[in-house]
Amino acid sequence: MNLPEPQEIYFDENQYNQNLAMYESRIEYFQNIIDKVKLAVPNIVFGSDDLTPLFINPVDFLASKIITEPTTVGGIELDKVKVFELLSCTDELKQIISEIEVLNTNRNIITTLRFFNRYAPNYKINSFDVVEIHPNTLQDIRKSNTKYLTTEKHQGLYNCAQKLVDVFNEIKALKIPRNPQYLQDNIILFSQNGSVEINIKEILLY
């Protein structure tokens, strides 16, 4: 039967820090793009989840941010992307779009600097236009490096194992010059019928 709530029993801090460092290593590249867009379009306003559309389709995203009013010619509304490409896409923005395209492909030798469009949802832009790892991603990284007891059998086995650990530590305190495997093999007798007994003869040797 499952436990009402999973019980955390182990957290691998070293592995967590390694995983976290990988996500942190991409922040400066995301931030570099955000800063360049702000310089090229000073009045742009970013939403917290705008990294994803920016990196999935930079042309569409920038067009929607820059061309905020309909452009009509002879009563016909022109496509925002076409207007953006013809009138608003400066050399600076073209360079930014090109940089994003490079970050989205496998052109970089360093593998962590590829496919930024896939990783963008793992980051957010805060109210100061600073890129951060998304809280949900931090939670996922922690969860993936944590071990949980999820069933009553897990709980029972864990409790028994803890008792064994306590017993071996008590034996160790007696300064018996034997390793734990020897103690297990000789002080405890496991019979063929499955019963477990104390080996009195072995104990009386000390």
N, C-alpha and C. Protein backbone atom coordinates (compact mmCIF):
# COMPACT_ATOMS: atom_id res chain seq x y z
N MET A 1 0.85 -1.19 0.00
CA MET A 1 0.00 0.00 0.00
C MET A 1 0.88 1.25 0.00
N ASN A 2 0.46 2.26 -0.74
CA ASN A 2 1.23 3.50 -0.81
C ASN A 2 1.09 4.31 0.47
N LEU A 3 2.15 5.03 0.80
CA LEU A 3 2.10 5.95 1.94
C LEU A 3 1.22 7.15 1.58
N PRO A 4 0.59 7.79 2.55
CA PRO A 4 -0.23 8.97 2.26
C PRO A 4 0.56 10.08 1.56
N GLU A 5 1.84 10.24 1.97
CA GLU A 5 2.73 11.21 1.35
C GLU A 5 4.11 10.58 1.21
N PRO A 6 4.79 10.75 0.06
CA PRO A 6 6.16 10.25 -0.07
C PRO A 6 7.04 10.85 1.03
N GLN A 7 7.95 10.04 1.55
CA GLN A 7 8.82 10.49 2.63
C GLN A 7 10.25 10.62 2.12
N GLU A 8 10.79 11.81 2.20
CA GLU A 8 12.16 12.05 1.73
C GLU A 8 13.14 11.39 2.68
N ILE A 9 14.08 10.61 2.12
CA ILE A 9 15.07 9.95 2.97
C ILE A 9 16.50 10.28 2.58
N TYR A 10 16.69 10.81 1.35
CA TYR A 10 18.06 11.09 0.92
C TYR A 10 18.06 12.19 -0.13
N PHE A 11 18.98 13.13 0.02
CA PHE A 11 19.16 14.21 -0.95
C PHE A 11 20.61 14.24 -1.38
N ASP A 12 20.86 14.07 -2.69
CA ASP A 12 22.22 14.06 -3.24
C ASP A 12 22.62 15.49 -3.57
N GLU A 13 23.23 16.15 -2.61
CA GLU A 13 23.56 17.56 -2.77
C GLU A 13 24.61 17.79 -3.85
N ASN A 14 25.59 16.90 -3.94
CA ASN A 14 26.64 17.07 -4.96
C ASN A 14 26.06 16.99 -6.37
N GLN A 15 25.21 15.99 -6.62
CA GLN A 15 24.60 15.86 -7.93
C GLN A 15 23.67 17.03 -8.22
N TYR A 16 22.96 17.48 -7.19
CA TYR A 16 22.07 18.64 -7.33
C TYR A 16 22.88 19.86 -7.78
N ASN A 17 24.00 20.10 -7.12
CA ASN A 17 24.82 21.26 -7.45
C ASN A 17 25.39 21.16 -8.86
N GLN A 18 25.73 19.95 -9.30
CA GLN A 18 26.22 19.76 -10.67
C GLN A 18 25.12 20.07 -11.69
N ASN A 19 23.93 19.57 -11.43
CA ASN A 19 22.79 19.84 -12.33
C ASN A 19 22.48 21.33 -12.34
N LEU A 20 22.47 21.94 -11.17
CA LEU A 20 22.17 23.37 -11.06
C LEU A 20 23.19 24.21 -11.83
N ALA A 21 24.45 23.83 -11.72
CA ALA A 21 25.51 24.58 -12.40
C ALA A 21 25.31 24.55 -13.92
N MET A 22 24.80 23.44 -14.44
CA MET A 22 24.56 23.35 -15.87
C MET A 22 23.50 24.35 -16.31
N TYR A 23 22.42 24.45 -15.52
CA TYR A 23 21.37 25.42 -15.83
C TYR A 23 21.89 26.85 -15.66
N GLU A 24 22.68 27.07 -14.62
CA GLU A 24 23.21 28.42 -14.38
C GLU A 24 24.15 28.86 -15.49
N SER A 25 24.83 27.90 -16.12
CA SER A 25 25.81 28.25 -17.17
C SER A 25 25.15 28.88 -18.39
N ARG A 26 23.84 28.66 -18.58
CA ARG A 26 23.16 29.22 -19.75
C ARG A 26 22.62 30.63 -19.49
N ILE A 27 22.55 31.03 -18.24
CA ILE A 27 21.90 32.29 -17.90
C ILE A 27 22.56 33.48 -18.60
N GLU A 28 23.89 33.51 -18.60
CA GLU A 28 24.57 34.67 -19.18
C GLU A 28 24.26 34.83 -20.67
N TYR A 29 24.03 33.72 -21.37
CA TYR A 29 23.74 33.79 -22.80
C TYR A 29 22.31 34.28 -23.04
N PHE A 30 21.38 33.79 -22.21
CA PHE A 30 20.02 34.33 -22.28
C PHE A 30 20.03 35.83 -21.95
N GLN A 31 20.76 36.17 -20.88
CA GLN A 31 20.80 37.57 -20.44
C GLN A 31 21.42 38.47 -21.49
N ASN A 32 22.43 37.97 -22.17
CA ASN A 32 23.09 38.75 -23.23
C ASN A 32 22.09 39.13 -24.32
N ILE A 33 21.23 38.18 -24.70
CA ILE A 33 20.23 38.46 -25.73
C ILE A 33 19.22 39.48 -25.23
N ILE A 34 18.75 39.31 -24.01
CA ILE A 34 17.77 40.25 -23.44
C ILE A 34 18.35 41.66 -23.41
N ASP A 35 19.60 41.78 -22.97
CA ASP A 35 20.23 43.10 -22.88
C ASP A 35 20.39 43.74 -24.26
N LYS A 36 20.72 42.94 -25.25
CA LYS A 36 20.89 43.48 -26.60
C LYS A 36 19.55 43.93 -27.18
N VAL A 37 18.49 43.16 -26.91
CA VAL A 37 17.16 43.57 -27.39
C VAL A 37 16.76 44.88 -26.74
N LYS A 38 17.02 45.04 -25.45
CA LYS A 38 16.67 46.27 -24.74
C LYS A 38 17.42 47.47 -25.31
N LEU A 39 18.68 47.26 -25.71
CA LEU A 39 19.44 48.36 -26.30
C LEU A 39 18.87 48.73 -27.67
N ALA A 40 18.46 47.73 -28.43
CA ALA A 40 17.93 47.97 -29.77
C ALA A 40 16.51 48.52 -29.72
N VAL A 41 15.74 48.09 -28.71
CA VAL A 41 14.33 48.52 -28.57
C VAL A 41 14.14 48.99 -27.13
N PRO A 42 14.54 50.21 -26.78
CA PRO A 42 14.53 50.68 -25.39
C PRO A 42 13.17 50.61 -24.70
N ASN A 43 12.10 50.74 -25.44
CA ASN A 43 10.77 50.76 -24.80
C ASN A 43 10.12 49.38 -24.71
N ILE A 44 10.85 48.34 -25.03
CA ILE A 44 10.26 46.99 -25.00
C ILE A 44 9.95 46.59 -23.56
N VAL A 45 8.86 45.89 -23.37
CA VAL A 45 8.46 45.40 -22.05
C VAL A 45 8.39 43.87 -22.12
N PHE A 46 9.19 43.23 -21.28
CA PHE A 46 9.22 41.77 -21.27
C PHE A 46 8.27 41.20 -20.22
N GLY A 47 7.61 40.12 -20.59
CA GLY A 47 6.85 39.35 -19.62
C GLY A 47 7.74 38.28 -19.02
N SER A 48 7.34 37.70 -17.90
CA SER A 48 8.20 36.74 -17.20
C SER A 48 8.50 35.50 -18.03
N ASP A 49 7.58 35.13 -18.93
CA ASP A 49 7.76 33.91 -19.73
C ASP A 49 8.12 34.21 -21.18
N ASP A 50 8.64 35.40 -21.45
CA ASP A 50 8.91 35.79 -22.84
C ASP A 50 10.14 35.16 -23.46
N LEU A 51 10.98 34.52 -22.64
CA LEU A 51 12.16 33.86 -23.24
C LEU A 51 11.74 32.77 -24.23
N THR A 52 10.67 32.06 -23.88
CA THR A 52 10.25 30.95 -24.74
C THR A 52 9.84 31.42 -26.13
N PRO A 53 8.88 32.36 -26.27
CA PRO A 53 8.54 32.81 -27.63
C PRO A 53 9.70 33.53 -28.33
N LEU A 54 10.54 34.24 -27.55
CA LEU A 54 11.67 34.93 -28.15
C LEU A 54 12.63 33.94 -28.81
N PHE A 55 12.87 32.80 -28.16
CA PHE A 55 13.84 31.85 -28.69
C PHE A 55 13.20 30.85 -29.65
N ILE A 56 11.89 30.62 -29.55
CA ILE A 56 11.24 29.71 -30.49
C ILE A 56 11.07 30.38 -31.85
N ASN A 57 10.64 31.64 -31.84
CA ASN A 57 10.48 32.37 -33.10
C ASN A 57 10.78 33.84 -32.87
N PRO A 58 12.06 34.22 -32.91
CA PRO A 58 12.45 35.60 -32.60
C PRO A 58 11.82 36.65 -33.50
N VAL A 59 11.62 36.32 -34.78
CA VAL A 59 11.05 37.30 -35.70
C VAL A 59 9.60 37.61 -35.32
N ASP A 60 8.80 36.57 -35.11
CA ASP A 60 7.40 36.77 -34.71
C ASP A 60 7.31 37.50 -33.38
N PHE A 61 8.16 37.11 -32.43
CA PHE A 61 8.11 37.73 -31.11
C PHE A 61 8.44 39.22 -31.18
N LEU A 62 9.54 39.56 -31.83
CA LEU A 62 9.95 40.96 -31.91
C LEU A 62 8.94 41.78 -32.71
N ALA A 63 8.39 41.19 -33.75
CA ALA A 63 7.37 41.89 -34.54
C ALA A 63 6.16 42.22 -33.67
N SER A 64 5.74 41.28 -32.83
CA SER A 64 4.56 41.51 -31.98
C SER A 64 4.84 42.54 -30.91
N LYS A 65 6.09 42.64 -30.48
CA LYS A 65 6.45 43.62 -29.45
C LYS A 65 6.66 45.02 -30.01
N ILE A 66 7.16 45.07 -31.25
CA ILE A 66 7.50 46.37 -31.85
C ILE A 66 6.33 46.95 -32.64
N ILE A 67 5.66 46.13 -33.44
CA ILE A 67 4.53 46.60 -34.25
C ILE A 67 3.26 46.39 -33.41
N THR A 68 2.96 47.36 -32.58
CA THR A 68 1.83 47.22 -31.64
C THR A 68 0.51 47.71 -32.23
N GLU A 69 0.58 48.52 -33.30
CA GLU A 69 -0.64 49.03 -33.93
C GLU A 69 -0.77 48.45 -35.34
N PRO A 70 -1.99 48.19 -35.80
CA PRO A 70 -2.19 47.69 -37.17
C PRO A 70 -1.62 48.65 -38.20
N THR A 71 -0.98 48.11 -39.23
CA THR A 71 -0.47 48.92 -40.34
C THR A 71 -1.33 48.62 -41.56
N THR A 72 -1.98 49.64 -42.07
CA THR A 72 -2.87 49.43 -43.21
C THR A 72 -2.41 50.24 -44.42
N VAL A 73 -2.61 49.67 -45.59
CA VAL A 73 -2.34 50.35 -46.86
C VAL A 73 -3.57 50.16 -47.73
N GLY A 74 -4.20 51.27 -48.06
CA GLY A 74 -5.41 51.20 -48.88
C GLY A 74 -6.51 50.40 -48.20
N GLY A 75 -6.57 50.52 -46.88
CA GLY A 75 -7.60 49.81 -46.14
C GLY A 75 -7.30 48.35 -45.87
N ILE A 76 -6.15 47.88 -46.32
CA ILE A 76 -5.78 46.48 -46.10
C ILE A 76 -4.71 46.42 -44.99
N GLU A 77 -4.97 45.62 -43.97
CA GLU A 77 -4.02 45.48 -42.87
C GLU A 77 -2.87 44.57 -43.29
N LEU A 78 -1.66 45.08 -43.11
CA LEU A 78 -0.48 44.32 -43.48
C LEU A 78 -0.04 43.38 -42.36
N ASP A 79 0.59 42.29 -42.75
CA ASP A 79 1.09 41.32 -41.78
C ASP A 79 2.19 41.95 -40.94
N LYS A 80 2.12 41.77 -39.61
CA LYS A 80 3.08 42.39 -38.70
C LYS A 80 4.52 41.97 -39.01
N VAL A 81 4.69 40.70 -39.29
CA VAL A 81 6.04 40.20 -39.54
C VAL A 81 6.63 40.85 -40.80
N LYS A 82 5.81 41.00 -41.83
CA LYS A 82 6.29 41.62 -43.06
C LYS A 82 6.66 43.08 -42.82
N VAL A 83 5.81 43.77 -42.05
CA VAL A 83 6.09 45.18 -41.72
C VAL A 83 7.37 45.27 -40.92
N PHE A 84 7.52 44.36 -39.97
CA PHE A 84 8.71 44.34 -39.12
C PHE A 84 9.97 44.14 -39.97
N GLU A 85 9.90 43.17 -40.87
CA GLU A 85 11.07 42.88 -41.70
C GLU A 85 11.41 44.03 -42.64
N LEU A 86 10.39 44.74 -43.12
CA LEU A 86 10.62 45.82 -44.08
C LEU A 86 11.02 47.13 -43.42
N LEU A 87 10.36 47.45 -42.27
CA LEU A 87 10.54 48.77 -41.69
C LEU A 87 11.26 48.82 -40.36
N SER A 88 11.11 47.78 -39.55
CA SER A 88 11.60 47.87 -38.17
C SER A 88 12.81 47.02 -37.87
N CYS A 89 13.11 46.05 -38.71
CA CYS A 89 14.19 45.12 -38.40
C CYS A 89 15.54 45.75 -38.75
N THR A 90 16.15 46.40 -37.78
CA THR A 90 17.43 47.06 -37.98
C THR A 90 18.55 46.02 -38.05
N ASP A 91 19.74 46.49 -38.41
CA ASP A 91 20.89 45.58 -38.45
C ASP A 91 21.15 44.98 -37.07
N GLU A 92 20.92 45.78 -36.01
CA GLU A 92 21.12 45.26 -34.64
C GLU A 92 20.18 44.10 -34.36
N LEU A 93 18.90 44.25 -34.71
CA LEU A 93 17.93 43.19 -34.48
C LEU A 93 18.23 41.98 -35.34
N LYS A 94 18.67 42.21 -36.58
CA LYS A 94 19.02 41.08 -37.44
C LYS A 94 20.18 40.28 -36.83
N GLN A 95 21.13 40.99 -36.23
CA GLN A 95 22.26 40.32 -35.60
C GLN A 95 21.80 39.51 -34.39
N ILE A 96 20.87 40.08 -33.60
CA ILE A 96 20.32 39.37 -32.44
C ILE A 96 19.59 38.10 -32.87
N ILE A 97 18.78 38.24 -33.90
CA ILE A 97 18.05 37.08 -34.43
C ILE A 97 19.02 36.00 -34.89
N SER A 98 20.10 36.40 -35.53
CA SER A 98 21.12 35.46 -35.99
C SER A 98 21.78 34.76 -34.80
N GLU A 99 22.06 35.51 -33.73
CA GLU A 99 22.68 34.92 -32.54
C GLU A 99 21.75 33.89 -31.90
N ILE A 100 20.47 34.21 -31.86
CA ILE A 100 19.49 33.28 -31.30
C ILE A 100 19.44 32.01 -32.12
N GLU A 101 19.47 32.15 -33.44
CA GLU A 101 19.43 30.98 -34.31
C GLU A 101 20.63 30.08 -34.08
N VAL A 102 21.80 30.69 -33.81
CA VAL A 102 23.00 29.90 -33.53
C VAL A 102 22.84 29.16 -32.21
N LEU A 103 22.32 29.84 -31.18
CA LEU A 103 22.12 29.21 -29.88
C LEU A 103 21.08 28.09 -29.94
N ASN A 104 20.22 28.15 -30.92
CA ASN A 104 19.16 27.13 -31.04
C ASN A 104 19.61 25.89 -31.82
N THR A 105 20.80 25.96 -32.42
CA THR A 105 21.27 24.84 -33.24
C THR A 105 22.46 24.17 -32.57
N ASN A 106 23.03 23.18 -33.24
CA ASN A 106 24.18 22.47 -32.68
C ASN A 106 25.50 22.96 -33.29
N ARG A 107 25.54 24.23 -33.61
CA ARG A 107 26.76 24.78 -34.22
C ARG A 107 27.87 24.99 -33.18
N ASN A 108 27.49 25.07 -31.91
CA ASN A 108 28.48 25.30 -30.86
C ASN A 108 29.16 24.00 -30.47
N ILE A 109 30.45 24.08 -30.20
CA ILE A 109 31.21 22.91 -29.75
C ILE A 109 30.75 22.50 -28.35
N ILE A 110 30.49 23.49 -27.49
CA ILE A 110 30.06 23.20 -26.11
C ILE A 110 28.59 22.78 -26.14
N THR A 111 28.32 21.57 -25.70
CA THR A 111 26.96 21.02 -25.83
C THR A 111 25.93 21.78 -25.01
N THR A 112 26.36 22.39 -23.89
CA THR A 112 25.39 23.13 -23.06
C THR A 112 24.97 24.44 -23.71
N LEU A 113 25.61 24.82 -24.81
CA LEU A 113 25.27 26.07 -25.49
C LEU A 113 24.47 25.79 -26.76
N ARG A 114 23.73 24.71 -26.76
CA ARG A 114 22.89 24.35 -27.91
C ARG A 114 21.43 24.27 -27.48
N PHE A 115 20.56 24.39 -28.49
CA PHE A 115 19.12 24.15 -28.31
C PHE A 115 18.50 25.01 -27.19
N PHE A 116 18.83 26.29 -27.20
CA PHE A 116 18.30 27.19 -26.18
C PHE A 116 16.78 27.33 -26.28
N ASN A 117 16.23 27.10 -27.47
CA ASN A 117 14.77 27.16 -27.60
C ASN A 117 14.11 26.06 -26.78
N ARG A 118 14.80 24.93 -26.59
CA ARG A 118 14.25 23.84 -25.77
C ARG A 118 14.35 24.16 -24.28
N TYR A 119 15.43 24.85 -23.91
CA TYR A 119 15.67 25.12 -22.49
C TYR A 119 14.99 26.40 -21.99
N ALA A 120 14.54 27.24 -22.91
CA ALA A 120 13.96 28.53 -22.51
C ALA A 120 12.84 28.41 -21.47
N PRO A 121 11.93 27.42 -21.56
CA PRO A 121 10.87 27.32 -20.55
C PRO A 121 11.38 27.08 -19.13
N ASN A 122 12.66 26.71 -18.99
CA ASN A 122 13.23 26.48 -17.66
C ASN A 122 13.73 27.76 -17.00
N TYR A 123 13.51 28.89 -17.68
CA TYR A 123 13.99 30.18 -17.17
C TYR A 123 12.86 31.20 -17.19
N LYS A 124 13.04 32.27 -16.44
CA LYS A 124 12.06 33.36 -16.42
C LYS A 124 12.81 34.68 -16.41
N ILE A 125 12.08 35.74 -16.77
CA ILE A 125 12.63 37.10 -16.71
C ILE A 125 11.96 37.80 -15.54
N ASN A 126 12.73 38.26 -14.57
CA ASN A 126 12.10 38.91 -13.42
C ASN A 126 11.72 40.35 -13.72
N SER A 127 11.20 41.04 -12.74
CA SER A 127 10.69 42.40 -12.96
C SER A 127 11.79 43.41 -13.29
N PHE A 128 13.05 43.01 -13.09
CA PHE A 128 14.19 43.89 -13.42
C PHE A 128 14.84 43.46 -14.73
N ASP A 129 14.15 42.62 -15.49
CA ASP A 129 14.65 42.09 -16.77
C ASP A 129 15.92 41.27 -16.60
N VAL A 130 16.00 40.59 -15.48
CA VAL A 130 17.13 39.70 -15.21
C VAL A 130 16.65 38.26 -15.36
N VAL A 131 17.44 37.46 -16.08
CA VAL A 131 17.07 36.07 -16.33
C VAL A 131 17.42 35.21 -15.11
N GLU A 132 16.47 34.38 -14.70
CA GLU A 132 16.65 33.48 -13.56
C GLU A 132 16.16 32.08 -13.94
N ILE A 133 16.63 31.09 -13.20
CA ILE A 133 16.09 29.74 -13.37
C ILE A 133 14.67 29.74 -12.82
N HIS A 134 13.75 29.15 -13.56
CA HIS A 134 12.34 29.13 -13.14
C HIS A 134 12.19 28.33 -11.84
N PRO A 135 11.39 28.84 -10.90
CA PRO A 135 11.18 28.10 -9.64
C PRO A 135 10.73 26.66 -9.84
N ASN A 136 9.89 26.42 -10.84
CA ASN A 136 9.44 25.04 -11.10
C ASN A 136 10.61 24.15 -11.51
N THR A 137 11.55 24.73 -12.26
CA THR A 137 12.73 23.96 -12.68
C THR A 137 13.62 23.65 -11.48
N LEU A 138 13.80 24.62 -10.59
CA LEU A 138 14.58 24.38 -9.37
C LEU A 138 13.96 23.25 -8.55
N GLN A 139 12.64 23.26 -8.48
CA GLN A 139 11.93 22.21 -7.75
C GLN A 139 12.13 20.85 -8.41
N ASP A 140 12.09 20.83 -9.75
CA ASP A 140 12.28 19.58 -10.48
C ASP A 140 13.70 19.04 -10.30
N ILE A 141 14.70 19.94 -10.32
CA ILE A 141 16.09 19.50 -10.13
C ILE A 141 16.26 18.89 -8.74
N ARG A 142 15.68 19.55 -7.75
CA ARG A 142 15.79 19.01 -6.39
C ARG A 142 15.09 17.65 -6.28
N LYS A 143 13.91 17.57 -6.87
CA LYS A 143 13.15 16.32 -6.78
C LYS A 143 13.89 15.17 -7.46
N SER A 144 14.54 15.44 -8.59
CA SER A 144 15.24 14.38 -9.32
C SER A 144 16.47 13.88 -8.57
N ASN A 145 16.94 14.66 -7.60
CA ASN A 145 18.11 14.27 -6.82
C ASN A 145 17.75 13.88 -5.39
N THR A 146 16.49 13.56 -5.20
CA THR A 146 16.00 13.16 -3.89
C THR A 146 15.38 11.77 -3.98
N LYS A 147 15.64 10.95 -2.99
CA LYS A 147 15.05 9.62 -2.91
C LYS A 147 13.91 9.64 -1.89
N TYR A 148 12.83 8.93 -2.24
CA TYR A 148 11.64 8.93 -1.39
C TYR A 148 11.19 7.51 -1.07
N LEU A 149 10.63 7.34 0.12
CA LEU A 149 9.86 6.13 0.44
C LEU A 149 8.44 6.40 0.00
N THR A 150 7.88 5.48 -0.78
CA THR A 150 6.52 5.72 -1.30
C THR A 150 5.51 4.67 -0.89
N THR A 151 5.99 3.52 -0.38
CA THR A 151 5.05 2.46 0.02
C THR A 151 5.31 2.05 1.47
N GLU A 152 4.33 1.34 2.05
CA GLU A 152 4.49 0.86 3.42
C GLU A 152 5.63 -0.16 3.50
N LYS A 153 5.83 -0.94 2.44
CA LYS A 153 6.94 -1.89 2.43
C LYS A 153 8.28 -1.15 2.44
N HIS A 154 8.37 -0.07 1.65
CA HIS A 154 9.58 0.77 1.70
C HIS A 154 9.83 1.23 3.13
N GLN A 155 8.79 1.73 3.76
CA GLN A 155 8.91 2.27 5.11
C GLN A 155 9.36 1.19 6.09
N GLY A 156 8.74 -0.03 5.99
CA GLY A 156 9.10 -1.12 6.89
C GLY A 156 10.55 -1.56 6.72
N LEU A 157 10.98 -1.71 5.45
CA LEU A 157 12.36 -2.12 5.19
C LEU A 157 13.35 -1.06 5.65
N TYR A 158 12.99 0.18 5.45
CA TYR A 158 13.88 1.27 5.87
C TYR A 158 14.02 1.27 7.38
N ASN A 159 12.92 1.10 8.10
CA ASN A 159 12.97 1.08 9.56
C ASN A 159 13.83 -0.09 10.06
N CYS A 160 13.68 -1.26 9.42
CA CYS A 160 14.50 -2.42 9.80
C CYS A 160 15.98 -2.16 9.53
N ALA A 161 16.27 -1.57 8.37
CA ALA A 161 17.66 -1.26 8.02
C ALA A 161 18.27 -0.29 9.02
N GLN A 162 17.45 0.68 9.46
CA GLN A 162 17.95 1.64 10.44
C GLN A 162 18.29 0.96 11.77
N LYS A 163 17.47 -0.03 12.14
CA LYS A 163 17.76 -0.79 13.36
C LYS A 163 19.07 -1.57 13.21
N LEU A 164 19.29 -2.15 12.03
CA LEU A 164 20.54 -2.87 11.79
C LEU A 164 21.74 -1.95 11.88
N VAL A 165 21.60 -0.75 11.32
CA VAL A 165 22.68 0.22 11.39
C VAL A 165 22.98 0.55 12.85
N ASP A 166 21.95 0.75 13.63
CA ASP A 166 22.14 1.07 15.05
C ASP A 166 22.83 -0.07 15.78
N VAL A 167 22.43 -1.30 15.46
CA VAL A 167 23.03 -2.47 16.10
C VAL A 167 24.51 -2.59 15.74
N PHE A 168 24.84 -2.44 14.45
CA PHE A 168 26.24 -2.54 14.04
C PHE A 168 27.08 -1.44 14.69
N ASN A 169 26.50 -0.26 14.84
CA ASN A 169 27.23 0.82 15.52
C ASN A 169 27.47 0.50 16.99
N GLU A 170 26.50 -0.15 17.62
CA GLU A 170 26.67 -0.56 19.02
C GLU A 170 27.77 -1.63 19.13
N ILE A 171 27.78 -2.57 18.17
CA ILE A 171 28.82 -3.60 18.17
C ILE A 171 30.19 -2.97 17.95
N LYS A 172 30.22 -1.99 17.04
CA LYS A 172 31.48 -1.29 16.77
C LYS A 172 32.02 -0.63 18.02
N ALA A 173 31.10 -0.09 18.84
CA ALA A 173 31.50 0.58 20.08
C ALA A 173 32.12 -0.41 21.07
N LEU A 174 31.81 -1.72 20.94
CA LEU A 174 32.40 -2.75 21.79
C LEU A 174 33.84 -3.08 21.37
N LYS A 175 34.26 -2.50 20.24
CA LYS A 175 35.62 -2.66 19.71
C LYS A 175 35.94 -4.12 19.40
N ILE A 176 34.97 -4.80 18.77
CA ILE A 176 35.21 -6.15 18.29
C ILE A 176 36.07 -6.06 17.02
N PRO A 177 37.22 -6.74 16.99
CA PRO A 177 38.13 -6.60 15.84
C PRO A 177 37.68 -7.40 14.62
N ARG A 178 36.47 -7.19 14.20
CA ARG A 178 35.94 -7.88 13.04
C ARG A 178 35.13 -6.91 12.19
N ASN A 179 35.06 -7.17 10.90
CA ASN A 179 34.27 -6.28 10.04
C ASN A 179 32.79 -6.67 10.09
N PRO A 180 31.90 -5.79 9.63
CA PRO A 180 30.45 -6.07 9.70
C PRO A 180 30.04 -7.34 8.99
N GLN A 181 30.71 -7.67 7.86
CA GLN A 181 30.35 -8.88 7.13
C GLN A 181 30.62 -10.14 7.96
N TYR A 182 31.75 -10.12 8.67
CA TYR A 182 32.07 -11.26 9.54
C TYR A 182 31.00 -11.41 10.63
N LEU A 183 30.64 -10.28 11.24
CA LEU A 183 29.63 -10.33 12.30
C LEU A 183 28.32 -10.89 11.77
N GLN A 184 27.95 -10.45 10.58
CA GLN A 184 26.69 -10.92 9.99
C GLN A 184 26.75 -12.42 9.71
N ASP A 185 27.90 -12.88 9.24
CA ASP A 185 28.03 -14.29 8.85
C ASP A 185 28.20 -15.23 10.03
N ASN A 186 28.67 -14.70 11.18
CA ASN A 186 29.04 -15.59 12.27
C ASN A 186 28.25 -15.41 13.57
N ILE A 187 27.87 -14.20 13.89
CA ILE A 187 27.11 -13.99 15.12
C ILE A 187 25.63 -14.33 14.91
N ILE A 188 25.16 -14.14 13.67
CA ILE A 188 23.78 -14.48 13.34
C ILE A 188 23.78 -15.74 12.48
N LEU A 189 22.91 -16.67 12.84
CA LEU A 189 22.79 -17.92 12.08
C LEU A 189 21.49 -17.91 11.29
N PHE A 190 21.61 -18.12 9.98
CA PHE A 190 20.43 -18.21 9.11
C PHE A 190 20.26 -19.68 8.72
N SER A 191 19.20 -20.30 9.20
CA SER A 191 18.97 -21.71 8.91
C SER A 191 18.26 -21.87 7.57
N GLN A 192 18.26 -23.11 7.07
CA GLN A 192 17.66 -23.38 5.77
C GLN A 192 16.14 -23.18 5.78
N ASN A 193 15.53 -23.33 6.96
CA ASN A 193 14.07 -23.15 7.01
C ASN A 193 13.65 -21.69 7.13
N GLY A 194 14.66 -20.80 7.11
CA GLY A 194 14.37 -19.37 7.13
C GLY A 194 14.41 -18.72 8.49
N SER A 195 14.64 -19.50 9.53
CA SER A 195 14.70 -18.91 10.87
C SER A 195 16.04 -18.23 11.10
N VAL A 196 16.07 -17.31 12.03
CA VAL A 196 17.28 -16.56 12.36
C VAL A 196 17.56 -16.73 13.84
N GLU A 197 18.81 -17.11 14.17
CA GLU A 197 19.17 -17.35 15.57
C GLU A 197 20.50 -16.68 15.90
N ILE A 198 20.76 -16.55 17.20
CA ILE A 198 22.03 -16.02 17.68
C ILE A 198 23.04 -17.16 17.80
N ASN A 199 24.25 -16.94 17.32
CA ASN A 199 25.32 -17.93 17.44
C ASN A 199 26.02 -17.72 18.79
N ILE A 200 25.52 -18.41 19.80
CA ILE A 200 26.05 -18.23 21.16
C ILE A 200 27.53 -18.59 21.22
N LYS A 201 27.91 -19.67 20.55
CA LYS A 201 29.31 -20.12 20.61
C LYS A 201 30.26 -19.04 20.14
N GLU A 202 29.89 -18.33 19.06
CA GLU A 202 30.74 -17.28 18.52
C GLU A 202 30.88 -16.13 19.51
N ILE A 203 29.75 -15.76 20.14
CA ILE A 203 29.77 -14.65 21.09
C ILE A 203 30.69 -14.96 22.27
N LEU A 204 30.67 -16.22 22.75
CA LEU A 204 31.46 -16.60 23.92
C LEU A 204 32.95 -16.68 23.64
N LEU A 205 33.34 -16.50 22.39
CA LEU A 205 34.77 -16.48 22.06
C LEU A 205 35.43 -15.18 22.49
N TYR A 206 34.63 -14.14 22.76
CA TYR A 206 35.21 -12.82 23.07
C TYR A 206 35.20 -12.57 24.57
